[in-house]
Amino acid sequence: MKSGKQRKAEIKQSRLARIAKHNREINPFKGPVPEWAIPVNAAEVVYHSMFLDIPLFYVDKEFACKDCGKIEIWTARQQKWWYEVAKGNFETTAVRCRQCRDKRKAKRDAQKKHMEEISNESY
């Protein structure tokens, strides 16, 4: 018969083995995390999906701009800022390059200014 201390040690070992197995299943690289990857702070991520797991780290992603078609890279640092600081939804990704985003913002600001001028005119 085992003592309570021995049984407690066995339970602790089985829990640690189960956690290690779970972590190996989540890591898509099946090996050590690359040194250029940025770890995810899961406590800061806005996460609403039942079907999408939070990754352990951010990696650079390539995308084509929705407007001009130019191939851009969404860096791991930009992703970390978007998801953790700006609190962007975790299911969103970058779709426009910097130039197209700036053009779109300038157009939106011009429309807003125009509407304010119209509303301030006296009749």
N, C-alpha and C. Protein backbone atom coordinates (compact mmCIF):
# COMPACT_ATOMS: atom_id res chain seq x y z
N MET A 1 0.84 -1.18 0.00
CA MET A 1 0.00 0.00 0.00
C MET A 1 0.89 1.25 0.00
N LYS A 2 0.51 2.25 -0.81
CA LYS A 2 1.29 3.48 -0.93
C LYS A 2 0.86 4.49 0.10
N SER A 3 1.83 5.31 0.48
CA SER A 3 1.51 6.38 1.43
C SER A 3 0.86 7.54 0.68
N GLY A 4 0.28 8.43 1.42
CA GLY A 4 -0.35 9.61 0.82
C GLY A 4 0.65 10.47 0.07
N LYS A 5 1.88 10.53 0.60
CA LYS A 5 2.94 11.32 -0.02
C LYS A 5 3.32 10.73 -1.38
N GLN A 6 3.42 9.40 -1.46
CA GLN A 6 3.76 8.72 -2.72
C GLN A 6 2.64 8.92 -3.74
N ARG A 7 1.42 8.77 -3.29
CA ARG A 7 0.27 8.93 -4.20
C ARG A 7 0.19 10.36 -4.73
N LYS A 8 0.45 11.33 -3.88
CA LYS A 8 0.43 12.73 -4.28
C LYS A 8 1.50 13.00 -5.34
N ALA A 9 2.69 12.41 -5.16
CA ALA A 9 3.77 12.57 -6.14
C ALA A 9 3.37 11.95 -7.49
N GLU A 10 2.71 10.79 -7.47
CA GLU A 10 2.25 10.14 -8.71
C GLU A 10 1.21 11.01 -9.44
N ILE A 11 0.29 11.57 -8.70
CA ILE A 11 -0.74 12.42 -9.29
C ILE A 11 -0.10 13.65 -9.92
N LYS A 12 0.87 14.24 -9.22
CA LYS A 12 1.55 15.41 -9.75
C LYS A 12 2.29 15.08 -11.05
N GLN A 13 2.96 13.94 -11.10
CA GLN A 13 3.68 13.51 -12.30
C GLN A 13 2.72 13.29 -13.47
N SER A 14 1.57 12.67 -13.21
CA SER A 14 0.61 12.42 -14.29
C SER A 14 0.02 13.73 -14.81
N ARG A 15 -0.21 14.68 -13.93
CA ARG A 15 -0.71 15.99 -14.37
C ARG A 15 0.32 16.71 -15.23
N LEU A 16 1.57 16.70 -14.80
CA LEU A 16 2.63 17.34 -15.59
C LEU A 16 2.79 16.68 -16.95
N ALA A 17 2.68 15.36 -17.01
CA ALA A 17 2.78 14.65 -18.29
C ALA A 17 1.61 15.02 -19.20
N ARG A 18 0.41 15.15 -18.64
CA ARG A 18 -0.77 15.52 -19.42
C ARG A 18 -0.65 16.94 -19.96
N ILE A 19 -0.14 17.86 -19.16
CA ILE A 19 0.06 19.25 -19.60
C ILE A 19 1.11 19.30 -20.71
N ALA A 20 2.20 18.56 -20.56
CA ALA A 20 3.25 18.54 -21.58
C ALA A 20 2.71 17.99 -22.89
N LYS A 21 1.89 16.95 -22.82
CA LYS A 21 1.30 16.37 -24.03
C LYS A 21 0.38 17.39 -24.70
N HIS A 22 -0.42 18.09 -23.92
CA HIS A 22 -1.32 19.11 -24.46
C HIS A 22 -0.54 20.22 -25.15
N ASN A 23 0.55 20.67 -24.54
CA ASN A 23 1.37 21.73 -25.13
C ASN A 23 2.03 21.27 -26.43
N ARG A 24 2.42 20.02 -26.52
CA ARG A 24 3.01 19.50 -27.77
C ARG A 24 1.97 19.49 -28.87
N GLU A 25 0.71 19.21 -28.55
CA GLU A 25 -0.35 19.18 -29.55
C GLU A 25 -0.67 20.57 -30.08
N ILE A 26 -0.56 21.60 -29.25
CA ILE A 26 -0.87 22.97 -29.65
C ILE A 26 0.23 23.55 -30.54
N ASN A 27 1.49 23.25 -30.27
CA ASN A 27 2.61 23.82 -31.00
C ASN A 27 2.63 23.31 -32.43
N PRO A 28 2.34 24.16 -33.44
CA PRO A 28 2.25 23.68 -34.82
C PRO A 28 3.60 23.31 -35.42
N PHE A 29 4.70 23.78 -34.82
CA PHE A 29 6.02 23.48 -35.37
C PHE A 29 6.56 22.14 -34.90
N LYS A 30 5.94 21.52 -33.92
CA LYS A 30 6.36 20.23 -33.38
C LYS A 30 7.83 20.23 -32.98
N GLY A 31 8.28 21.31 -32.48
CA GLY A 31 9.67 21.43 -32.05
C GLY A 31 9.83 22.69 -31.22
N PRO A 32 11.05 23.14 -31.07
CA PRO A 32 11.26 24.36 -30.29
C PRO A 32 10.67 25.58 -31.00
N VAL A 33 10.23 26.52 -30.22
CA VAL A 33 9.66 27.75 -30.76
C VAL A 33 10.79 28.55 -31.42
N PRO A 34 10.58 29.07 -32.64
CA PRO A 34 11.63 29.85 -33.31
C PRO A 34 12.01 31.08 -32.49
N GLU A 35 13.29 31.48 -32.55
CA GLU A 35 13.76 32.62 -31.75
C GLU A 35 13.16 33.93 -32.23
N TRP A 36 12.70 34.00 -33.49
CA TRP A 36 12.12 35.24 -34.01
C TRP A 36 10.63 35.36 -33.73
N ALA A 37 10.03 34.32 -33.16
CA ALA A 37 8.60 34.36 -32.85
C ALA A 37 8.38 35.15 -31.56
N ILE A 38 7.22 35.80 -31.47
CA ILE A 38 6.87 36.60 -30.29
C ILE A 38 5.78 35.86 -29.52
N PRO A 39 5.98 35.58 -28.24
CA PRO A 39 4.98 34.84 -27.47
C PRO A 39 3.67 35.62 -27.30
N VAL A 40 2.58 34.90 -27.24
CA VAL A 40 1.25 35.48 -27.07
C VAL A 40 0.95 35.61 -25.58
N ASN A 41 0.44 36.76 -25.19
CA ASN A 41 -0.05 36.95 -23.83
C ASN A 41 -1.56 36.70 -23.88
N ALA A 42 -1.96 35.47 -23.60
CA ALA A 42 -3.35 35.05 -23.76
C ALA A 42 -4.32 35.86 -22.90
N ALA A 43 -3.86 36.41 -21.80
CA ALA A 43 -4.73 37.19 -20.92
C ALA A 43 -5.16 38.50 -21.56
N GLU A 44 -4.38 39.01 -22.52
CA GLU A 44 -4.67 40.29 -23.16
C GLU A 44 -5.47 40.16 -24.45
N VAL A 45 -5.65 38.95 -24.96
CA VAL A 45 -6.29 38.73 -26.26
C VAL A 45 -7.80 38.70 -26.12
N VAL A 46 -8.51 39.41 -27.01
CA VAL A 46 -9.97 39.36 -27.07
C VAL A 46 -10.33 38.14 -27.91
N TYR A 47 -11.02 37.20 -27.31
CA TYR A 47 -11.20 35.90 -27.92
C TYR A 47 -12.64 35.44 -27.71
N HIS A 48 -13.37 35.20 -28.82
CA HIS A 48 -14.78 34.83 -28.69
C HIS A 48 -15.12 33.51 -29.37
N SER A 49 -14.19 32.89 -30.06
CA SER A 49 -14.49 31.71 -30.86
C SER A 49 -14.37 30.42 -30.07
N MET A 50 -15.30 29.51 -30.31
CA MET A 50 -15.21 28.18 -29.72
C MET A 50 -14.37 27.25 -30.59
N PHE A 51 -14.14 27.64 -31.84
CA PHE A 51 -13.53 26.74 -32.80
C PHE A 51 -12.08 27.07 -33.10
N LEU A 52 -11.58 28.19 -32.63
CA LEU A 52 -10.23 28.63 -32.94
C LEU A 52 -9.42 28.71 -31.66
N ASP A 53 -8.28 28.01 -31.63
CA ASP A 53 -7.41 28.05 -30.45
C ASP A 53 -6.44 29.21 -30.55
N ILE A 54 -6.09 29.77 -29.41
CA ILE A 54 -5.10 30.83 -29.37
C ILE A 54 -3.74 30.18 -29.55
N PRO A 55 -2.92 30.67 -30.50
CA PRO A 55 -1.59 30.09 -30.66
C PRO A 55 -0.67 30.48 -29.51
N LEU A 56 0.47 29.84 -29.43
CA LEU A 56 1.43 30.14 -28.38
C LEU A 56 2.30 31.34 -28.71
N PHE A 57 2.43 31.65 -30.02
CA PHE A 57 3.29 32.74 -30.43
C PHE A 57 2.82 33.29 -31.76
N TYR A 58 3.27 34.54 -32.06
CA TYR A 58 2.96 35.19 -33.33
C TYR A 58 4.12 34.95 -34.30
N VAL A 59 3.79 34.72 -35.56
CA VAL A 59 4.80 34.61 -36.61
C VAL A 59 4.39 35.54 -37.75
N ASP A 60 5.36 35.98 -38.56
CA ASP A 60 5.07 36.85 -39.69
C ASP A 60 4.13 36.14 -40.67
N LYS A 61 3.13 36.88 -41.19
CA LYS A 61 2.18 36.32 -42.15
C LYS A 61 2.20 37.16 -43.42
N GLU A 62 2.13 36.49 -44.53
CA GLU A 62 2.09 37.16 -45.83
C GLU A 62 0.63 37.31 -46.25
N PHE A 63 0.30 38.47 -46.87
CA PHE A 63 -1.06 38.68 -47.36
C PHE A 63 -1.01 39.57 -48.60
N ALA A 64 -2.06 39.48 -49.41
CA ALA A 64 -2.19 40.34 -50.59
C ALA A 64 -3.16 41.46 -50.25
N CYS A 65 -2.78 42.69 -50.60
CA CYS A 65 -3.63 43.85 -50.32
C CYS A 65 -4.95 43.71 -51.08
N LYS A 66 -6.02 44.00 -50.40
CA LYS A 66 -7.37 43.89 -50.94
C LYS A 66 -7.60 44.88 -52.09
N ASP A 67 -6.98 46.06 -52.01
CA ASP A 67 -7.21 47.10 -53.01
C ASP A 67 -6.23 47.04 -54.18
N CYS A 68 -4.93 47.00 -53.90
CA CYS A 68 -3.95 47.08 -54.99
C CYS A 68 -3.33 45.73 -55.35
N GLY A 69 -3.50 44.71 -54.52
CA GLY A 69 -2.98 43.38 -54.82
C GLY A 69 -1.52 43.18 -54.46
N LYS A 70 -0.87 44.19 -53.88
CA LYS A 70 0.53 44.10 -53.52
C LYS A 70 0.72 43.11 -52.36
N ILE A 71 1.78 42.29 -52.45
CA ILE A 71 2.07 41.32 -51.40
C ILE A 71 2.79 42.04 -50.26
N GLU A 72 2.27 41.90 -49.06
CA GLU A 72 2.83 42.54 -47.87
C GLU A 72 3.04 41.47 -46.79
N ILE A 73 3.80 41.84 -45.76
CA ILE A 73 4.00 40.96 -44.61
C ILE A 73 3.45 41.64 -43.37
N TRP A 74 2.59 40.92 -42.66
CA TRP A 74 2.06 41.38 -41.39
C TRP A 74 2.97 40.80 -40.32
N THR A 75 3.81 41.63 -39.74
CA THR A 75 4.84 41.15 -38.84
C THR A 75 4.26 40.68 -37.51
N ALA A 76 5.04 39.87 -36.82
CA ALA A 76 4.62 39.36 -35.51
C ALA A 76 4.43 40.51 -34.53
N ARG A 77 5.29 41.53 -34.60
CA ARG A 77 5.17 42.69 -33.71
C ARG A 77 3.87 43.44 -33.96
N GLN A 78 3.50 43.62 -35.24
CA GLN A 78 2.25 44.29 -35.58
C GLN A 78 1.05 43.48 -35.09
N GLN A 79 1.13 42.16 -35.23
CA GLN A 79 0.04 41.30 -34.76
C GLN A 79 -0.11 41.42 -33.25
N LYS A 80 0.99 41.40 -32.53
CA LYS A 80 0.93 41.53 -31.06
C LYS A 80 0.26 42.84 -30.67
N TRP A 81 0.65 43.94 -31.35
CA TRP A 81 0.03 45.23 -31.04
C TRP A 81 -1.47 45.18 -31.34
N TRP A 82 -1.85 44.64 -32.51
CA TRP A 82 -3.25 44.63 -32.91
C TRP A 82 -4.10 43.82 -31.95
N TYR A 83 -3.67 42.64 -31.60
CA TYR A 83 -4.48 41.75 -30.77
C TYR A 83 -4.44 42.10 -29.28
N GLU A 84 -3.30 42.56 -28.77
CA GLU A 84 -3.17 42.74 -27.33
C GLU A 84 -3.30 44.19 -26.87
N VAL A 85 -2.84 45.15 -27.67
CA VAL A 85 -2.93 46.56 -27.26
C VAL A 85 -4.20 47.20 -27.79
N ALA A 86 -4.44 47.06 -29.11
CA ALA A 86 -5.62 47.66 -29.72
C ALA A 86 -6.87 46.83 -29.47
N LYS A 87 -6.71 45.62 -28.92
CA LYS A 87 -7.82 44.72 -28.59
C LYS A 87 -8.64 44.35 -29.83
N GLY A 88 -7.95 44.14 -30.96
CA GLY A 88 -8.63 43.69 -32.18
C GLY A 88 -9.10 42.25 -32.01
N ASN A 89 -10.18 41.91 -32.69
CA ASN A 89 -10.71 40.55 -32.61
C ASN A 89 -9.67 39.57 -33.14
N PHE A 90 -9.51 38.44 -32.47
CA PHE A 90 -8.46 37.49 -32.81
C PHE A 90 -8.71 36.78 -34.15
N GLU A 91 -9.92 36.85 -34.64
CA GLU A 91 -10.24 36.20 -35.91
C GLU A 91 -9.99 37.10 -37.11
N THR A 92 -9.52 38.34 -36.91
CA THR A 92 -9.25 39.25 -38.00
C THR A 92 -7.79 39.20 -38.41
N THR A 93 -7.53 39.56 -39.66
CA THR A 93 -6.16 39.65 -40.16
C THR A 93 -6.01 40.93 -40.98
N ALA A 94 -4.78 41.27 -41.32
CA ALA A 94 -4.53 42.46 -42.15
C ALA A 94 -4.99 42.17 -43.58
N VAL A 95 -5.62 43.16 -44.23
CA VAL A 95 -6.09 42.99 -45.61
C VAL A 95 -5.63 44.11 -46.54
N ARG A 96 -5.12 45.23 -45.99
CA ARG A 96 -4.67 46.35 -46.82
C ARG A 96 -3.25 46.75 -46.45
N CYS A 97 -2.49 47.17 -47.46
CA CYS A 97 -1.13 47.67 -47.22
C CYS A 97 -1.20 49.06 -46.61
N ARG A 98 -0.08 49.57 -46.13
CA ARG A 98 -0.04 50.87 -45.46
C ARG A 98 -0.52 51.99 -46.37
N GLN A 99 -0.09 52.00 -47.66
CA GLN A 99 -0.47 53.08 -48.58
C GLN A 99 -1.98 53.09 -48.80
N CYS A 100 -2.59 51.93 -49.02
CA CYS A 100 -4.03 51.87 -49.24
C CYS A 100 -4.80 52.24 -47.98
N ARG A 101 -4.28 51.86 -46.79
CA ARG A 101 -4.94 52.26 -45.55
C ARG A 101 -4.88 53.77 -45.37
N ASP A 102 -3.74 54.38 -45.70
CA ASP A 102 -3.61 55.84 -45.59
C ASP A 102 -4.54 56.56 -46.56
N LYS A 103 -4.64 56.06 -47.80
CA LYS A 103 -5.56 56.67 -48.78
C LYS A 103 -7.00 56.57 -48.29
N ARG A 104 -7.37 55.41 -47.78
CA ARG A 104 -8.73 55.19 -47.30
C ARG A 104 -9.04 56.09 -46.11
N LYS A 105 -8.07 56.26 -45.21
CA LYS A 105 -8.26 57.13 -44.05
C LYS A 105 -8.40 58.59 -44.48
N ALA A 106 -7.57 59.04 -45.44
CA ALA A 106 -7.66 60.42 -45.92
C ALA A 106 -9.01 60.69 -46.57
N LYS A 107 -9.51 59.73 -47.34
CA LYS A 107 -10.81 59.89 -47.98
C LYS A 107 -11.92 59.97 -46.93
N ARG A 108 -11.84 59.11 -45.92
CA ARG A 108 -12.84 59.11 -44.85
C ARG A 108 -12.81 60.42 -44.07
N ASP A 109 -11.59 60.93 -43.79
CA ASP A 109 -11.46 62.20 -43.07
C ASP A 109 -12.00 63.37 -43.89
N ALA A 110 -11.76 63.34 -45.21
CA ALA A 110 -12.27 64.41 -46.08
C ALA A 110 -13.80 64.40 -46.10
N GLN A 111 -14.39 63.22 -46.15
CA GLN A 111 -15.86 63.12 -46.13
C GLN A 111 -16.42 63.63 -44.80
N LYS A 112 -15.74 63.28 -43.72
CA LYS A 112 -16.19 63.72 -42.40
C LYS A 112 -16.12 65.24 -42.28
N LYS A 113 -15.02 65.82 -42.78
CA LYS A 113 -14.86 67.27 -42.73
C LYS A 113 -15.93 67.96 -43.58
N HIS A 114 -16.20 67.40 -44.75
CA HIS A 114 -17.22 67.95 -45.63
C HIS A 114 -18.60 67.94 -44.96
N MET A 115 -18.92 66.83 -44.31
CA MET A 115 -20.22 66.73 -43.64
C MET A 115 -20.32 67.71 -42.47
N GLU A 116 -19.22 67.94 -41.77
CA GLU A 116 -19.22 68.92 -40.68
C GLU A 116 -19.42 70.33 -41.21
N GLU A 117 -18.80 70.64 -42.36
CA GLU A 117 -18.97 71.96 -42.96
C GLU A 117 -20.41 72.18 -43.39
N ILE A 118 -21.02 71.15 -43.95
CA ILE A 118 -22.43 71.27 -44.37
C ILE A 118 -23.32 71.50 -43.17
N SER A 119 -23.06 70.77 -42.07
CA SER A 119 -23.92 70.92 -40.90
C SER A 119 -23.70 72.25 -40.20
N ASN A 120 -22.54 72.89 -40.38
CA ASN A 120 -22.27 74.17 -39.72
C ASN A 120 -22.75 75.37 -40.53
N GLU A 121 -23.12 75.15 -41.80
CA GLU A 121 -23.61 76.27 -42.62
C GLU A 121 -24.91 76.79 -42.05
N SER A 122 -25.05 78.09 -42.07
CA SER A 122 -26.31 78.68 -41.58
C SER A 122 -27.23 78.94 -42.78
N TYR A 123 -28.47 78.68 -42.59
CA TYR A 123 -29.44 78.88 -43.68
C TYR A 123 -30.24 80.13 -43.46
